[in-house]
C-alpha atoms as a PDB file:
ATOM      1  CA  UNK A   1      35.204  12.972  44.297  1.00  0.00           C
ATOM      2  CA  UNK A   2      32.548  10.811  46.059  1.00  0.00           C
ATOM      3  CA  UNK A   3      30.569   8.258  44.188  1.00  0.00           C
ATOM      4  CA  UNK A   4      27.478   6.491  45.411  1.00  0.00           C
ATOM      5  CA  UNK A   5      26.055   3.090  44.758  1.00  0.00           C
ATOM      6  CA  UNK A   6      22.803   4.603  43.388  1.00  0.00           C
ATOM      7  CA  UNK A   7      24.418   6.794  40.749  1.00  0.00           C
ATOM      8  CA  UNK A   8      23.874   4.300  37.938  1.00  0.00           C
ATOM      9  CA  UNK A   9      20.032   4.026  39.060  1.00  0.00           C
ATOM     10  CA  UNK A  10      19.697   7.676  38.940  1.00  0.00           C
ATOM     11  CA  UNK A  11      20.945   7.687  35.185  1.00  0.00           C
ATOM     12  CA  UNK A  12      18.847   4.686  34.351  1.00  0.00           C
ATOM     13  CA  UNK A  13      15.820   6.461  35.818  1.00  0.00           C
ATOM     14  CA  UNK A  14      16.454   9.714  33.718  1.00  0.00           C
ATOM     15  CA  UNK A  15      17.042   7.463  30.598  1.00  0.00           C
ATOM     16  CA  UNK A  16      13.498   5.665  31.198  1.00  0.00           C
ATOM     17  CA  UNK A  17      11.847   8.898  31.730  1.00  0.00           C
ATOM     18  CA  UNK A  18      13.141  10.426  28.772  1.00  0.00           C
ATOM     19  CA  UNK A  19      12.014   7.344  26.768  1.00  0.00           C
ATOM     20  CA  UNK A  20       8.408   7.454  28.374  1.00  0.00           C
ATOM     21  CA  UNK A  21       8.256  11.340  27.506  1.00  0.00           C
ATOM     22  CA  UNK A  22       9.309  10.513  24.010  1.00  0.00           C
ATOM     23  CA  UNK A  23       6.853   7.850  23.362  1.00  0.00           C
ATOM     24  CA  UNK A  24       3.909   9.813  25.073  1.00  0.00           C
ATOM     25  CA  UNK A  25       4.976  13.002  23.303  1.00  0.00           C
ATOM     26  CA  UNK A  26       4.627  11.329  19.843  1.00  0.00           C
ATOM     27  CA  UNK A  27       1.687   9.204  20.424  1.00  0.00           C
ATOM     28  CA  UNK A  28      -0.801  11.782  19.159  1.00  0.00           C
ATOM     29  CA  UNK A  29       1.353  12.478  15.930  1.00  0.00           C
ATOM     30  CA  UNK A  30       1.045   8.750  15.102  1.00  0.00           C
ATOM     31  CA  UNK A  31      -2.637   8.723  15.669  1.00  0.00           C
ATOM     32  CA  UNK A  32      -3.004  11.730  13.656  1.00  0.00           C
ATOM     33  CA  UNK A  33      -1.005  10.300  10.826  1.00  0.00           C
ATOM     34  CA  UNK A  34      -3.134   6.861  10.850  1.00  0.00           C
ATOM     35  CA  UNK A  35      -6.318   9.140  10.678  1.00  0.00           C
ATOM     36  CA  UNK A  36      -4.698  11.364   7.715  1.00  0.00           C
ATOM     37  CA  UNK A  37      -3.916   8.177   5.818  1.00  0.00           C
ATOM     38  CA  UNK A  38      -7.154   6.568   6.217  1.00  0.00           C
ATOM     39  CA  UNK A  39      -8.930   9.975   5.105  1.00  0.00           C
ATOM     40  CA  UNK A  40      -6.521   9.851   1.839  1.00  0.00           C
ATOM     41  CA  UNK A  41      -7.207   6.298   1.196  1.00  0.00           C
ATOM     42  CA  UNK A  42     -11.001   6.728   1.650  1.00  0.00           C
ATOM     43  CA  UNK A  43     -10.642   9.976  -0.497  1.00  0.00           C
ATOM     44  CA  UNK A  44      -8.955   8.060  -3.422  1.00  0.00           C
ATOM     45  CA  UNK A  45     -10.883   4.885  -3.201  1.00  0.00           C
ATOM     46  CA  UNK A  46     -14.179   5.244  -1.622  1.00  0.00           C
ATOM     47  CA  UNK A  47     -13.247   2.181   0.459  1.00  0.00           C
ATOM     48  CA  UNK A  48     -11.904   1.411   4.044  1.00  0.00           C
ATOM     49  CA  UNK A  49     -10.017  -1.647   2.731  1.00  0.00           C
ATOM     50  CA  UNK A  50      -7.657   0.174   0.401  1.00  0.00           C
ATOM     51  CA  UNK A  51      -3.855  -0.147   1.003  1.00  0.00           C
ATOM     52  CA  UNK A  52      -2.695   3.422   0.164  1.00  0.00           C
ATOM     53  CA  UNK A  53       1.089   3.937   1.081  1.00  0.00           C
ATOM     54  CA  UNK A  54       2.889   7.421   1.509  1.00  0.00           C
ATOM     55  CA  UNK A  55       5.366   7.633  -1.382  1.00  0.00           C
ATOM     56  CA  UNK A  56       6.455  11.232  -0.523  1.00  0.00           C
ATOM     57  CA  UNK A  57       4.747  12.972   2.754  1.00  0.00           C
ATOM     58  CA  UNK A  58       6.478  16.381   2.162  1.00  0.00           C
ATOM     59  CA  UNK A  59       5.083  16.581  -1.288  1.00  0.00           C
ATOM     60  CA  UNK A  60       1.782  14.701  -0.538  1.00  0.00           C
ATOM     61  CA  UNK A  61       2.406  12.047  -3.044  1.00  0.00           C
ATOM     62  CA  UNK A  62       0.599   8.485  -2.552  1.00  0.00           C
ATOM     63  CA  UNK A  63       0.618   5.301  -4.175  1.00  0.00           C
ATOM     64  CA  UNK A  64      -1.973   2.403  -4.373  1.00  0.00           C
ATOM     65  CA  UNK A  65      -0.751  -0.619  -6.139  1.00  0.00           C
ATOM     66  CA  UNK A  66       0.630   0.635  -9.620  1.00  0.00           C
ATOM     67  CA  UNK A  67      -0.987   4.147  -9.254  1.00  0.00           C
ATOM     68  CA  UNK A  68       0.390   7.445  -8.090  1.00  0.00           C
ATOM     69  CA  UNK A  69      -1.444  10.488  -6.906  1.00  0.00           C
ATOM     70  CA  UNK A  70       0.139  14.053  -6.456  1.00  0.00           C
ATOM     71  CA  UNK A  71      -2.237  15.852  -4.264  1.00  0.00           C
ATOM     72  CA  UNK A  72      -0.250  19.122  -3.808  1.00  0.00           C
ATOM     73  CA  UNK A  73      -0.612  19.569  -7.442  1.00  0.00           C
ATOM     74  CA  UNK A  74      -4.353  19.241  -7.507  1.00  0.00           C
ATOM     75  CA  UNK A  75      -6.475  22.553  -8.154  1.00  0.00           C
ATOM     76  CA  UNK A  76      -8.747  22.038  -5.148  1.00  0.00           C
ATOM     77  CA  UNK A  77     -11.267  24.603  -6.654  1.00  0.00           C
ATOM     78  CA  UNK A  78     -11.720  22.303  -9.696  1.00  0.00           C
ATOM     79  CA  UNK A  79     -12.085  19.145  -7.640  1.00  0.00           C
ATOM     80  CA  UNK A  80     -15.405  17.773  -8.363  1.00  0.00           C
ATOM     81  CA  UNK A  81     -17.331  14.802  -6.603  1.00  0.00           C
ATOM     82  CA  UNK A  82     -20.383  13.649  -8.054  1.00  0.00           C
ATOM     83  CA  UNK A  83     -22.465  10.760  -8.941  1.00  0.00           C
ATOM     84  CA  UNK A  84     -21.888   9.007 -12.275  1.00  0.00           C
ATOM     85  CA  UNK A  85     -24.170   6.358 -14.171  1.00  0.00           C
ATOM     86  CA  UNK A  86     -22.779   3.766 -16.567  1.00  0.00           C
ATOM     87  CA  UNK A  87     -25.136   1.800 -18.696  1.00  0.00           C
ATOM     88  CA  UNK A  88     -24.577  -1.898 -18.590  1.00  0.00           C
ATOM     89  CA  UNK A  89     -26.924  -3.696 -21.222  1.00  0.00           C
ATOM     90  CA  UNK A  90     -28.899  -5.860 -20.661  1.00  0.00           C
ATOM     91  CA  UNK A  91     -28.428  -5.334 -16.889  1.00  0.00           C
ATOM     92  CA  UNK A  92     -29.329  -1.541 -16.650  1.00  0.00           C
ATOM     93  CA  UNK A  93     -26.881   0.854 -15.310  1.00  0.00           C
ATOM     94  CA  UNK A  94     -24.232   1.027 -12.518  1.00  0.00           C
ATOM     95  CA  UNK A  95     -24.048   4.039 -10.103  1.00  0.00           C
ATOM     96  CA  UNK A  96     -20.589   5.189  -8.911  1.00  0.00           C
ATOM     97  CA  UNK A  97     -18.843   7.903  -7.147  1.00  0.00           C
ATOM     98  CA  UNK A  98     -16.490   9.868  -9.538  1.00  0.00           C
ATOM     99  CA  UNK A  99     -13.748  12.357  -8.353  1.00  0.00           C
ATOM    100  CA  UNK A 100     -12.413  14.536 -10.938  1.00  0.00           C
ATOM    101  CA  UNK A 101      -8.755  15.859 -10.449  1.00  0.00           C
ATOM    102  CA  UNK A 102      -6.958  18.715 -12.413  1.00  0.00           C
ATOM    103  CA  UNK A 103      -3.673  20.354 -12.189  1.00  0.00           C
ATOM    104  CA  UNK A 104      -1.047  22.262 -14.142  1.00  0.00           C
ATOM    105  CA  UNK A 105       1.315  19.238 -13.833  1.00  0.00           C
ATOM    106  CA  UNK A 106       0.828  15.492 -13.402  1.00  0.00           C
ATOM    107  CA  UNK A 107      -1.856  14.601 -10.817  1.00  0.00           C
ATOM    108  CA  UNK A 108      -1.990  11.168 -11.587  1.00  0.00           C
ATOM    109  CA  UNK A 109       0.307   8.271 -12.791  1.00  0.00           C
ATOM    110  CA  UNK A 110      -0.239   4.645 -13.647  1.00  0.00           C
ATOM    111  CA  UNK A 111       2.238   1.887 -14.613  1.00  0.00           C
ATOM    112  CA  UNK A 112       0.931  -0.854 -16.779  1.00  0.00           C
ATOM    113  CA  UNK A 113       2.434  -3.935 -18.411  1.00  0.00           C
ATOM    114  CA  UNK A 114       0.503  -6.582 -20.154  1.00  0.00           C
ATOM    115  CA  UNK A 115      -0.374  -9.642 -18.039  1.00  0.00           C
ATOM    116  CA  UNK A 116       1.058 -12.419 -20.199  1.00  0.00           C
ATOM    117  CA  UNK A 117      -1.008 -15.003 -18.369  1.00  0.00           C
ATOM    118  CA  UNK A 118      -4.338 -13.522 -19.750  1.00  0.00           C
ATOM    119  CA  UNK A 119      -2.983 -13.573 -23.486  1.00  0.00           C
ATOM    120  CA  UNK A 120      -3.080 -16.583 -25.783  1.00  0.00           C
ATOM    121  CA  UNK A 121       0.688 -17.925 -25.985  1.00  0.00           C
ATOM    122  CA  UNK A 122       0.525 -17.689 -29.752  1.00  0.00           C
ATOM    123  CA  UNK A 123      -0.306 -13.842 -29.522  1.00  0.00           C
ATOM    124  CA  UNK A 124       2.601 -13.396 -26.963  1.00  0.00           C
ATOM    125  CA  UNK A 125       5.022 -15.129 -29.394  1.00  0.00           C
ATOM    126  CA  UNK A 126       4.133 -13.171 -32.439  1.00  0.00           C
ATOM    127  CA  UNK A 127       4.018  -9.848 -30.772  1.00  0.00           C
ATOM    128  CA  UNK A 128       7.469 -10.556 -29.259  1.00  0.00           C
ATOM    129  CA  UNK A 129       8.650 -10.694 -32.698  1.00  0.00           C
ATOM    130  CA  UNK A 130       6.664  -7.836 -34.335  1.00  0.00           C
ATOM    131  CA  UNK A 131       6.801  -5.530 -31.263  1.00  0.00           C
ATOM    132  CA  UNK A 132       8.854  -6.304 -28.233  1.00  0.00           C
ATOM    133  CA  UNK A 133       8.235  -3.081 -26.471  1.00  0.00           C
ATOM    134  CA  UNK A 134       4.701  -3.958 -26.119  1.00  0.00           C
ATOM    135  CA  UNK A 135       5.669  -6.141 -23.079  1.00  0.00           C
ATOM    136  CA  UNK A 136       7.513  -3.593 -21.311  1.00  0.00           C
ATOM    137  CA  UNK A 137       6.049  -1.623 -18.528  1.00  0.00           C
ATOM    138  CA  UNK A 138       4.802   1.777 -19.542  1.00  0.00           C
ATOM    139  CA  UNK A 139       4.042   4.703 -17.329  1.00  0.00           C
ATOM    140  CA  UNK A 140       0.799   6.909 -18.107  1.00  0.00           C
ATOM    141  CA  UNK A 141       0.796  10.512 -16.649  1.00  0.00           C
ATOM    142  CA  UNK A 142      -2.349  12.737 -16.452  1.00  0.00           C
ATOM    143  CA  UNK A 143      -2.810  16.253 -15.605  1.00  0.00           C
ATOM    144  CA  UNK A 144      -6.636  15.444 -15.591  1.00  0.00           C
ATOM    145  CA  UNK A 145      -8.108  12.297 -14.042  1.00  0.00           C
ATOM    146  CA  UNK A 146     -11.345  10.962 -13.140  1.00  0.00           C
ATOM    147  CA  UNK A 147     -11.313   8.641 -10.254  1.00  0.00           C
ATOM    148  CA  UNK A 148     -13.961   5.954 -10.201  1.00  0.00           C
ATOM    149  CA  UNK A 149     -14.391   5.057  -6.526  1.00  0.00           C
ATOM    150  CA  UNK A 150     -15.643   1.728  -5.044  1.00  0.00           C
ATOM    151  CA  UNK A 151     -19.486   1.174  -5.828  1.00  0.00           C
ATOM    152  CA  UNK A 152     -20.246   1.247  -1.877  1.00  0.00           C
ATOM    153  CA  UNK A 153     -18.484   4.661  -1.654  1.00  0.00           C
ATOM    154  CA  UNK A 154     -20.686   7.146   0.510  1.00  0.00           C
ATOM    155  CA  UNK A 155     -20.422  10.473  -1.337  1.00  0.00           C
ATOM    156  CA  UNK A 156     -20.814  12.485   1.714  1.00  0.00           C
ATOM    157  CA  UNK A 157     -17.797  10.744   3.333  1.00  0.00           C
ATOM    158  CA  UNK A 158     -15.812  11.037   0.467  1.00  0.00           C
ATOM    159  CA  UNK A 159     -16.307  14.926   0.526  1.00  0.00           C
ATOM    160  CA  UNK A 160     -15.325  14.882   4.216  1.00  0.00           C
ATOM    161  CA  UNK A 161     -12.260  12.904   3.193  1.00  0.00           C
ATOM    162  CA  UNK A 162     -11.186  15.406   0.725  1.00  0.00           C
ATOM    163  CA  UNK A 163     -11.717  18.180   3.061  1.00  0.00           C
ATOM    164  CA  UNK A 164      -9.805  16.601   5.780  1.00  0.00           C
ATOM    165  CA  UNK A 165      -6.899  15.942   3.504  1.00  0.00           C
ATOM    166  CA  UNK A 166      -6.388  19.496   2.540  1.00  0.00           C
ATOM    167  CA  UNK A 167      -7.121  20.744   6.105  1.00  0.00           C
ATOM    168  CA  UNK A 168      -4.570  18.297   7.697  1.00  0.00           C
ATOM    169  CA  UNK A 169      -1.586  17.923   5.558  1.00  0.00           C
ATOM    170  CA  UNK A 170      -1.699  18.519   1.903  1.00  0.00           C
ATOM    171  CA  UNK A 171      -1.413  21.967   0.301  1.00  0.00           C
ATOM    172  CA  UNK A 172      -4.351  23.525  -1.683  1.00  0.00           C
ATOM    173  CA  UNK A 173      -3.558  24.793  -5.161  1.00  0.00           C
ATOM    174  CA  UNK A 174      -5.996  27.040  -6.939  1.00  0.00           C
ATOM    175  CA  UNK A 175      -6.520  27.002 -10.655  1.00  0.00           C
ATOM    176  CA  UNK A 176      -5.188  30.426 -12.351  1.00  0.00           C
ATOM    177  CA  UNK A 177      -8.652  30.934 -13.847  1.00  0.00           C
END
């Protein structure tokens, strides 16, 4: 069997070519994932400055701080995006964009634990004696939830974000009636 000095170089060139092809072949996927995650973030918050993370991409579950959103469970035919007004006496009123989520199963979860820094120390001491479970983490699960988006949310852009989410990753689910 004959060997050549350049055999190692050929293998290295093949490996380098494979690595370049692999990177170039997956770059659009990374870009699409980035756009998809930005669309999810905007749909759920109405802001470009929200840190939404993927919890389970296959099931379209996303997290933002202590909240979880189950987007494959949302009845997309019942998804409503509209302006809401909240009176704030004596200042007047505040307008915000609301997104109503509905499903047969949980579409929204939130974990809460009392912030001990904001409570008076004597209250904390008494509550620990009377009801120690008051200080445990609680998980709230909802089949219907109204998202209150950032005050600066652009309602037309929120609508486009929700359409993008269901056209590019999450599965639409319809209400039975």
